[in-house]
Amino acid sequence: MDRYSRMVQFFKVLLPLAAIIMLSTVFLLSRSIETNVSVPFAQKDIDARLAEQVVTQPNYRGTTRKGEDVQIEATQATQGSEESVPAASEFRGRFGLLNGGVITLDSNSGLIRPDLGTATFVGDVVITTTDGILVTTDLLNTSLDEIRGDTPGQVNGTGVIGDFSAGRMTFGTEKKDGPVHILFTDGVKLVYEPEKAER
């Protein structure tokens, strides 16, 4: 047997032994696993969340029939009970239009019903659009299947031509594939500001 063959035979024995030794040191030198990990919630908080079935940071994402982007999120949501309806706090929405425009919605609380294809924004509702309209109201009903919404009560707002108020506001498309329009009705009052309109 020549020198090369002896070296090959030697390494056939040496290399597997070295591998076994290295693996054994991994297990021997590994630290013990901490089994008493503390949960970052007090037991009473956990019990309250289980009783109320609270969900933190709920997030809904979907698209309309036309492919427009719909996002709804909140700080936390409760499932509700026999005495109360499901609700979410710090309710926020974003509708991405096909033309690149965006309608954002913010409110104190709200309710989303994917089974009915609706979302309701309640309390200090703020509606803003990328073309410079800002509207405030107390209640806004919206659809999840299409870019559509309405306020059953008073709205106040500001836009490129001045400040305004109205008894009701709706937004949506007038035709099936048409652009989204915002319509103010029921006693519209506008304070026209020429300087603002010329900017």
C-alpha atoms as a PDB file:
ATOM      1  CA  MET A   1       0.000   0.000   0.000  1.00  0.00           C
ATOM      2  CA  ASP A   2       1.480   3.342  -1.041  1.00  0.00           C
ATOM      3  CA  ARG A   3       1.631   6.513   1.057  1.00  0.00           C
ATOM      4  CA  TYR A   4      -1.445   8.107  -0.605  1.00  0.00           C
ATOM      5  CA  SER A   5      -3.658   5.104   0.145  1.00  0.00           C
ATOM      6  CA  ARG A   6      -2.519   5.055   3.787  1.00  0.00           C
ATOM      7  CA  MET A   7      -3.386   8.779   4.117  1.00  0.00           C
ATOM      8  CA  VAL A   8      -6.860   8.186   2.660  1.00  0.00           C
ATOM      9  CA  GLN A   9      -7.474   5.308   5.097  1.00  0.00           C
ATOM     10  CA  PHE A  10      -6.250   7.475   7.977  1.00  0.00           C
ATOM     11  CA  PHE A  11      -8.612  10.353   7.128  1.00  0.00           C
ATOM     12  CA  LYS A  12     -11.538   7.954   6.680  1.00  0.00           C
ATOM     13  CA  VAL A  13     -11.193   7.143  10.363  1.00  0.00           C
ATOM     14  CA  LEU A  14     -10.074  10.564  11.643  1.00  0.00           C
ATOM     15  CA  LEU A  15     -12.716  12.813  10.040  1.00  0.00           C
ATOM     16  CA  PRO A  16     -15.807  10.919  11.344  1.00  0.00           C
ATOM     17  CA  LEU A  17     -14.247  10.835  14.818  1.00  0.00           C
ATOM     18  CA  ALA A  18     -13.633  14.604  14.687  1.00  0.00           C
ATOM     19  CA  ALA A  19     -17.229  15.185  13.634  1.00  0.00           C
ATOM     20  CA  ILE A  20     -18.556  13.101  16.543  1.00  0.00           C
ATOM     21  CA  ILE A  21     -16.369  15.013  19.020  1.00  0.00           C
ATOM     22  CA  MET A  22     -17.529  18.381  17.667  1.00  0.00           C
ATOM     23  CA  LEU A  23     -21.212  17.403  17.884  1.00  0.00           C
ATOM     24  CA  SER A  24     -20.808  16.102  21.431  1.00  0.00           C
ATOM     25  CA  THR A  25     -19.236  19.383  22.554  1.00  0.00           C
ATOM     26  CA  VAL A  26     -22.243  21.286  21.168  1.00  0.00           C
ATOM     27  CA  PHE A  27     -24.571  19.341  23.469  1.00  0.00           C
ATOM     28  CA  LEU A  28     -22.210  19.296  26.446  1.00  0.00           C
ATOM     29  CA  LEU A  29     -21.465  23.022  26.350  1.00  0.00           C
ATOM     30  CA  SER A  30     -24.976  24.251  25.513  1.00  0.00           C
ATOM     31  CA  ARG A  31     -26.695  26.307  28.177  1.00  0.00           C
ATOM     32  CA  SER A  32     -29.749  24.997  29.968  1.00  0.00           C
ATOM     33  CA  ILE A  33     -33.123  26.200  28.664  1.00  0.00           C
ATOM     34  CA  GLU A  34     -35.017  28.626  30.889  1.00  0.00           C
ATOM     35  CA  THR A  35     -38.412  27.048  31.510  1.00  0.00           C
ATOM     36  CA  ASN A  36     -39.776  29.727  33.842  1.00  0.00           C
ATOM     37  CA  VAL A  37     -40.305  32.483  31.248  1.00  0.00           C
ATOM     38  CA  SER A  38     -42.420  35.360  32.534  1.00  0.00           C
ATOM     39  CA  VAL A  39     -45.374  36.546  30.457  1.00  0.00           C
ATOM     40  CA  PRO A  40     -45.448  40.358  29.914  1.00  0.00           C
ATOM     41  CA  PHE A  41     -49.035  40.573  31.261  1.00  0.00           C
ATOM     42  CA  ALA A  42     -50.407  40.457  34.779  1.00  0.00           C
ATOM     43  CA  GLN A  43     -52.727  37.532  35.470  1.00  0.00           C
ATOM     44  CA  LYS A  44     -55.692  39.893  35.973  1.00  0.00           C
ATOM     45  CA  ASP A  45     -55.052  41.416  32.497  1.00  0.00           C
ATOM     46  CA  ILE A  46     -54.997  37.949  30.948  1.00  0.00           C
ATOM     47  CA  ASP A  47     -58.235  37.005  32.740  1.00  0.00           C
ATOM     48  CA  ALA A  48     -59.895  40.254  31.591  1.00  0.00           C
ATOM     49  CA  ARG A  49     -58.819  39.705  27.987  1.00  0.00           C
ATOM     50  CA  LEU A  50     -60.106  36.122  28.029  1.00  0.00           C
ATOM     51  CA  ALA A  51     -63.413  37.178  29.598  1.00  0.00           C
ATOM     52  CA  GLU A  52     -63.963  40.088  27.181  1.00  0.00           C
ATOM     53  CA  GLN A  53     -62.260  38.319  24.237  1.00  0.00           C
ATOM     54  CA  VAL A  54     -60.121  41.362  23.404  1.00  0.00           C
ATOM     55  CA  VAL A  55     -58.016  41.384  20.234  1.00  0.00           C
ATOM     56  CA  THR A  56     -55.121  43.848  20.013  1.00  0.00           C
ATOM     57  CA  GLN A  57     -54.117  45.532  16.740  1.00  0.00           C
ATOM     58  CA  PRO A  58     -56.820  43.925  14.543  1.00  0.00           C
ATOM     59  CA  ASN A  59     -56.238  44.552  10.849  1.00  0.00           C
ATOM     60  CA  TYR A  60     -58.521  43.971   7.845  1.00  0.00           C
ATOM     61  CA  ARG A  61     -57.187  44.125   4.291  1.00  0.00           C
ATOM     62  CA  GLY A  62     -59.128  43.489   1.140  1.00  0.00           C
ATOM     63  CA  THR A  63     -60.015  44.703  -2.320  1.00  0.00           C
ATOM     64  CA  THR A  64     -63.262  45.895  -3.841  1.00  0.00           C
ATOM     65  CA  ARG A  65     -64.876  44.273  -6.863  1.00  0.00           C
ATOM     66  CA  LYS A  66     -63.007  46.793  -9.035  1.00  0.00           C
ATOM     67  CA  GLY A  67     -59.648  46.046  -7.384  1.00  0.00           C
ATOM     68  CA  GLU A  68     -59.437  49.099  -5.114  1.00  0.00           C
ATOM     69  CA  ASP A  69     -57.471  48.687  -1.890  1.00  0.00           C
ATOM     70  CA  VAL A  70     -59.357  48.662   1.444  1.00  0.00           C
ATOM     71  CA  GLN A  71     -57.592  48.660   4.833  1.00  0.00           C
ATOM     72  CA  ILE A  72     -59.233  48.876   8.257  1.00  0.00           C
ATOM     73  CA  GLU A  73     -57.337  48.692  11.553  1.00  0.00           C
ATOM     74  CA  ALA A  74     -57.810  49.519  15.229  1.00  0.00           C
ATOM     75  CA  THR A  75     -55.907  49.594  18.500  1.00  0.00           C
ATOM     76  CA  GLN A  76     -58.043  46.851  20.003  1.00  0.00           C
ATOM     77  CA  ALA A  77     -61.392  45.157  19.438  1.00  0.00           C
ATOM     78  CA  THR A  78     -63.869  43.331  21.647  1.00  0.00           C
ATOM     79  CA  GLN A  79     -66.245  40.635  20.500  1.00  0.00           C
ATOM     80  CA  GLY A  80     -69.083  41.980  22.600  1.00  0.00           C
ATOM     81  CA  SER A  81     -71.675  40.105  24.635  1.00  0.00           C
ATOM     82  CA  GLU A  82     -75.423  39.698  24.941  1.00  0.00           C
ATOM     83  CA  GLU A  83     -75.625  43.222  26.378  1.00  0.00           C
ATOM     84  CA  SER A  84     -73.093  44.928  24.063  1.00  0.00           C
ATOM     85  CA  VAL A  85     -72.192  44.876  20.376  1.00  0.00           C
ATOM     86  CA  PRO A  86     -68.653  44.179  19.056  1.00  0.00           C
ATOM     87  CA  ALA A  87     -66.569  47.358  18.913  1.00  0.00           C
ATOM     88  CA  ALA A  88     -63.047  48.562  18.165  1.00  0.00           C
ATOM     89  CA  SER A  89     -61.183  51.585  19.525  1.00  0.00           C
ATOM     90  CA  GLU A  90     -59.123  54.088  17.520  1.00  0.00           C
ATOM     91  CA  PHE A  91     -60.714  52.879  14.306  1.00  0.00           C
ATOM     92  CA  ARG A  92     -58.801  53.817  11.125  1.00  0.00           C
ATOM     93  CA  GLY A  93     -59.407  53.148   7.451  1.00  0.00           C
ATOM     94  CA  ARG A  94     -57.726  53.725   4.121  1.00  0.00           C
ATOM     95  CA  PHE A  95     -59.344  53.437   0.683  1.00  0.00           C
ATOM     96  CA  GLY A  96     -56.893  53.378  -2.222  1.00  0.00           C
ATOM     97  CA  LEU A  97     -58.582  54.540  -5.436  1.00  0.00           C
ATOM     98  CA  LEU A  98     -57.692  53.249  -8.895  1.00  0.00           C
ATOM     99  CA  ASN A  99     -56.611  56.737 -10.026  1.00  0.00           C
ATOM    100  CA  GLY A 100     -53.989  56.852  -7.248  1.00  0.00           C
ATOM    101  CA  GLY A 101     -56.058  58.953  -4.842  1.00  0.00           C
ATOM    102  CA  VAL A 102     -56.546  57.978  -1.210  1.00  0.00           C
ATOM    103  CA  ILE A 103     -59.402  58.498   1.252  1.00  0.00           C
ATOM    104  CA  THR A 104     -58.349  58.123   4.905  1.00  0.00           C
ATOM    105  CA  LEU A 105     -60.807  57.695   7.774  1.00  0.00           C
ATOM    106  CA  ASP A 106     -60.176  58.130  11.510  1.00  0.00           C
ATOM    107  CA  SER A 107     -62.578  57.814  14.445  1.00  0.00           C
ATOM    108  CA  ASN A 108     -62.705  57.100  18.171  1.00  0.00           C
ATOM    109  CA  SER A 109     -64.332  53.703  17.697  1.00  0.00           C
ATOM    110  CA  GLY A 110     -66.014  51.577  15.087  1.00  0.00           C
ATOM    111  CA  LEU A 111     -67.375  48.256  13.967  1.00  0.00           C
ATOM    112  CA  ILE A 112     -66.429  46.082  11.003  1.00  0.00           C
ATOM    113  CA  ARG A 113     -68.742  43.407   9.594  1.00  0.00           C
ATOM    114  CA  PRO A 114     -66.967  41.482   6.795  1.00  0.00           C
ATOM    115  CA  ASP A 115     -69.968  39.131   6.641  1.00  0.00           C
ATOM    116  CA  LEU A 116     -72.174  42.101   5.684  1.00  0.00           C
ATOM    117  CA  GLY A 117     -69.439  43.951   3.770  1.00  0.00           C
ATOM    118  CA  THR A 118     -69.686  47.053   5.983  1.00  0.00           C
ATOM    119  CA  ALA A 119     -67.584  49.159   8.357  1.00  0.00           C
ATOM    120  CA  THR A 120     -68.957  51.892  10.643  1.00  0.00           C
ATOM    121  CA  PHE A 121     -66.849  54.746  12.049  1.00  0.00           C
ATOM    122  CA  VAL A 122     -68.188  56.334  15.248  1.00  0.00           C
ATOM    123  CA  GLY A 123     -67.194  59.456  17.208  1.00  0.00           C
ATOM    124  CA  ASP A 124     -65.036  62.369  15.998  1.00  0.00           C
ATOM    125  CA  VAL A 125     -64.820  60.930  12.489  1.00  0.00           C
ATOM    126  CA  VAL A 126     -62.240  62.663  10.281  1.00  0.00           C
ATOM    127  CA  ILE A 127     -62.329  62.038   6.516  1.00  0.00           C
ATOM    128  CA  THR A 128     -59.441  63.313   4.373  1.00  0.00           C
ATOM    129  CA  THR A 129     -58.750  63.009   0.665  1.00  0.00           C
ATOM    130  CA  THR A 130     -55.555  63.470  -1.317  1.00  0.00           C
ATOM    131  CA  ASP A 131     -57.150  66.332  -3.283  1.00  0.00           C
ATOM    132  CA  GLY A 132     -57.417  68.522  -0.189  1.00  0.00           C
ATOM    133  CA  ILE A 133     -60.846  67.877   1.364  1.00  0.00           C
ATOM    134  CA  LEU A 134     -61.154  67.370   5.139  1.00  0.00           C
ATOM    135  CA  VAL A 135     -64.554  66.495   6.635  1.00  0.00           C
ATOM    136  CA  THR A 136     -65.574  65.881  10.254  1.00  0.00           C
ATOM    137  CA  THR A 137     -68.744  64.170  11.453  1.00  0.00           C
ATOM    138  CA  ASP A 138     -70.080  61.883  14.205  1.00  0.00           C
ATOM    139  CA  LEU A 139     -70.955  58.763  12.221  1.00  0.00           C
ATOM    140  CA  LEU A 140     -69.886  57.304   8.878  1.00  0.00           C
ATOM    141  CA  ASN A 141     -71.143  54.097   7.264  1.00  0.00           C
ATOM    142  CA  THR A 142     -68.927  52.568   4.564  1.00  0.00           C
ATOM    143  CA  SER A 143     -68.875  49.556   2.295  1.00  0.00           C
ATOM    144  CA  LEU A 144     -66.050  47.020   2.033  1.00  0.00           C
ATOM    145  CA  ASP A 145     -67.138  45.743  -1.391  1.00  0.00           C
ATOM    146  CA  GLU A 146     -66.894  49.129  -3.127  1.00  0.00           C
ATOM    147  CA  ILE A 147     -65.688  52.662  -2.391  1.00  0.00           C
ATOM    148  CA  ARG A 148     -68.921  53.995  -0.939  1.00  0.00           C
ATOM    149  CA  GLY A 149     -70.017  55.707   2.272  1.00  0.00           C
ATOM    150  CA  ASP A 150     -72.569  58.018   3.835  1.00  0.00           C
ATOM    151  CA  THR A 151     -73.047  60.150   6.933  1.00  0.00           C
ATOM    152  CA  PRO A 152     -76.595  60.205   8.269  1.00  0.00           C
ATOM    153  CA  GLY A 153     -75.917  63.462  10.151  1.00  0.00           C
ATOM    154  CA  GLN A 154     -74.245  66.878  10.010  1.00  0.00           C
ATOM    155  CA  VAL A 155     -70.792  67.280   8.442  1.00  0.00           C
ATOM    156  CA  ASN A 156     -68.305  70.158   8.601  1.00  0.00           C
ATOM    157  CA  GLY A 157     -65.309  70.517   6.395  1.00  0.00           C
ATOM    158  CA  THR A 158     -62.767  72.484   4.498  1.00  0.00           C
ATOM    159  CA  GLY A 159     -61.558  72.249   0.913  1.00  0.00           C
ATOM    160  CA  VAL A 160     -59.713  74.105  -1.785  1.00  0.00           C
ATOM    161  CA  ILE A 161     -62.449  76.760  -2.112  1.00  0.00           C
ATOM    162  CA  GLY A 162     -63.237  77.338   1.579  1.00  0.00           C
ATOM    163  CA  ASP A 163     -65.093  76.031   4.637  1.00  0.00           C
ATOM    164  CA  PHE A 164     -68.465  74.324   4.383  1.00  0.00           C
ATOM    165  CA  SER A 165     -71.152  72.427   6.280  1.00  0.00           C
ATOM    166  CA  ALA A 166     -73.988  70.148   5.191  1.00  0.00           C
ATOM    167  CA  GLY A 167     -76.740  68.012   6.643  1.00  0.00           C
ATOM    168  CA  ARG A 168     -75.453  64.884   4.923  1.00  0.00           C
ATOM    169  CA  MET A 169     -72.569  63.579   2.828  1.00  0.00           C
ATOM    170  CA  THR A 170     -72.230  60.576   0.529  1.00  0.00           C
ATOM    171  CA  PHE A 171     -69.311  59.371  -1.563  1.00  0.00           C
ATOM    172  CA  GLY A 172     -69.065  56.739  -4.249  1.00  0.00           C
ATOM    173  CA  THR A 173     -69.315  56.228  -7.995  1.00  0.00           C
ATOM    174  CA  GLU A 174     -72.277  57.444 -10.009  1.00  0.00           C
ATOM    175  CA  LYS A 175     -71.612  54.925 -12.782  1.00  0.00           C
ATOM    176  CA  LYS A 176     -70.337  51.359 -12.521  1.00  0.00           C
ATOM    177  CA  ASP A 177     -66.777  52.146 -13.622  1.00  0.00           C
ATOM    178  CA  GLY A 178     -66.857  55.893 -13.024  1.00  0.00           C
ATOM    179  CA  PRO A 179     -64.694  57.989 -10.683  1.00  0.00           C
ATOM    180  CA  VAL A 180     -65.482  58.441  -6.986  1.00  0.00           C
ATOM    181  CA  HIS A 181     -67.458  61.622  -6.213  1.00  0.00           C
ATOM    182  CA  ILE A 182     -68.286  63.267  -2.867  1.00  0.00           C
ATOM    183  CA  LEU A 183     -71.799  64.728  -2.659  1.00  0.00           C
ATOM    184  CA  PHE A 184     -73.009  67.153   0.047  1.00  0.00           C
ATOM    185  CA  THR A 185     -76.773  67.605   0.533  1.00  0.00           C
ATOM    186  CA  ASP A 186     -79.439  68.817   3.003  1.00  0.00           C
ATOM    187  CA  GLY A 187     -78.636  72.480   3.526  1.00  0.00           C
ATOM    188  CA  VAL A 188     -75.130  73.031   2.230  1.00  0.00           C
ATOM    189  CA  LYS A 189     -73.411  76.215   3.444  1.00  0.00           C
ATOM    190  CA  LEU A 190     -70.109  77.366   1.942  1.00  0.00           C
ATOM    191  CA  VAL A 191     -67.829  80.188   3.029  1.00  0.00           C
ATOM    192  CA  TYR A 192     -66.015  80.900  -0.231  1.00  0.00           C
ATOM    193  CA  GLU A 193     -62.400  82.014   0.107  1.00  0.00           C
ATOM    194  CA  PRO A 194     -61.041  83.266  -3.251  1.00  0.00           C
ATOM    195  CA  GLU A 195     -57.451  83.439  -1.950  1.00  0.00           C
ATOM    196  CA  LYS A 196     -57.642  79.798  -0.904  1.00  0.00           C
ATOM    197  CA  ALA A 197     -59.087  78.718  -4.259  1.00  0.00           C
ATOM    198  CA  GLU A 198     -56.321  80.472  -6.220  1.00  0.00           C
ATOM    199  CA  ARG A 199     -53.485  78.611  -4.461  1.00  0.00           C
END
